[in-house]
Amino acid sequence: MAQRDTELSELEKQAAAPDLWENPQAAQKLHADIARRKRELGPMRQLLSKAEDLAILAQLAEEEGSDGEAAEIEAGLAEIERMTAEQELAQLFTGEYDDHNALISINAGAGGTESCDWVDMLARMYGRWAEQHGYGWEIIDRTPGEQAGSRGLTACVTGPKAYGRLRGERGVHRLVRISPFDAASRRHTSFASVDAIPEVEEADEVEINPDDLRVDTFRATGAGGQHVNKTDSAVRITHLPSKIVVQCQAERSQMQNRATAMSLLRARLVQMELQRREEEAARARGETMAIGFGSQIRSYVVHPYTMVKDLRTGHETGNAEAVLDGALDPFIRAELERRARGASPVAAGEDAA
């Protein structure tokens, strides 16, 4: 705690330098770092203050030989336990971009209309989770499926540690259920890939050479009114060196869609670098499993029984309905703890059905 206070004081001294704003990007980044550290230190200070107050209350109760404060002390201990658990969770956020907002992309895999519907189910699950945590949730791009659901969509999740919490969701999610689109009511297996990347700003030192970009405009599809459907407002940007392709068609104007697409491109370039580091670390640990976008991480079974199982941590629950309604925290925490231990996935790729 003392070390963190000292580090914050040093940053605040730097922020007071008279020539700070000669470099606006560095100044913005410094102030963002200060704000982040203050958010981290605030709950820790509250916990220490609460513990000190409770210790004084317990000492007074003991000296006076009174049991009148017992209920208050018990409630205080419960609150300290809750605050301690939150701080323990906070210690698991060690990534460079964990404090950033998150961009979640969900794309249909094998399974046709089933998988397109699964994309929408996952989007609802993450949207409900975000709502439960007081986070913002906005779908910024969506490609509808031919019959139902979505072939793919991208949403922005805004709030403290949004990326830190959601980065472990990256991978393939598998659903087993009785198909609502099958007249014979047969069991179907659907797949969808989820990608979680940190939202980054230009001040985050992501350099993009305009000469490396190919920008295409096209007519948006789906609902949106005459302006959206009759003008080339949608934007697709290809980053030639990395072959990354991003697009946005959610906004009415081409300028807005281009700005959103550029934000997505910056985020994907950052994610590409983070993935490279992750793969290098995995090789250094001697892991032989594939650490990649296509790795299956979780199975959701709603027929012939109900179960959700994470194939990396082994964490599972029989209440699939609650998970699909946003109860993701136990899975998120289990994966954060696994990564903090540097442990290999325990059962990656196993069939849960």
Foldseek 3Di string as FASTA:
>chain_A
DVVLVVVLVVLVVLLPDPCLCVPVLSNVVSVVVSVLSCVLVVLVVVLVVLVVVLVVVVVVCVVVVDCPCVVVSVVSVVVSVVSVVVNVLVVLQPDPQQFFKKKKKKAWDPDAPVSLVVSVLVLLQAVLQLVVVVWDKAWFAFAAGPPGHTRMTMIITDDTRNLVLCQVVFAKEKEWAQDPVDPVRDIDITIMGMHMWGQDDVSVVQDADPVQKDKDFAQDDDDDDDQRRPDRQKIWIARNVVRDIFIGSRDSHNVVRVVVRVRVVSRVVVVVVVQVVVVVLCVVVVDDDDDDNHWYFWYAYVPPAGKIAGQFQRDMDRCSVVSSSHPCVVVSSSVSVCVVVVHTRDGTPDDPD
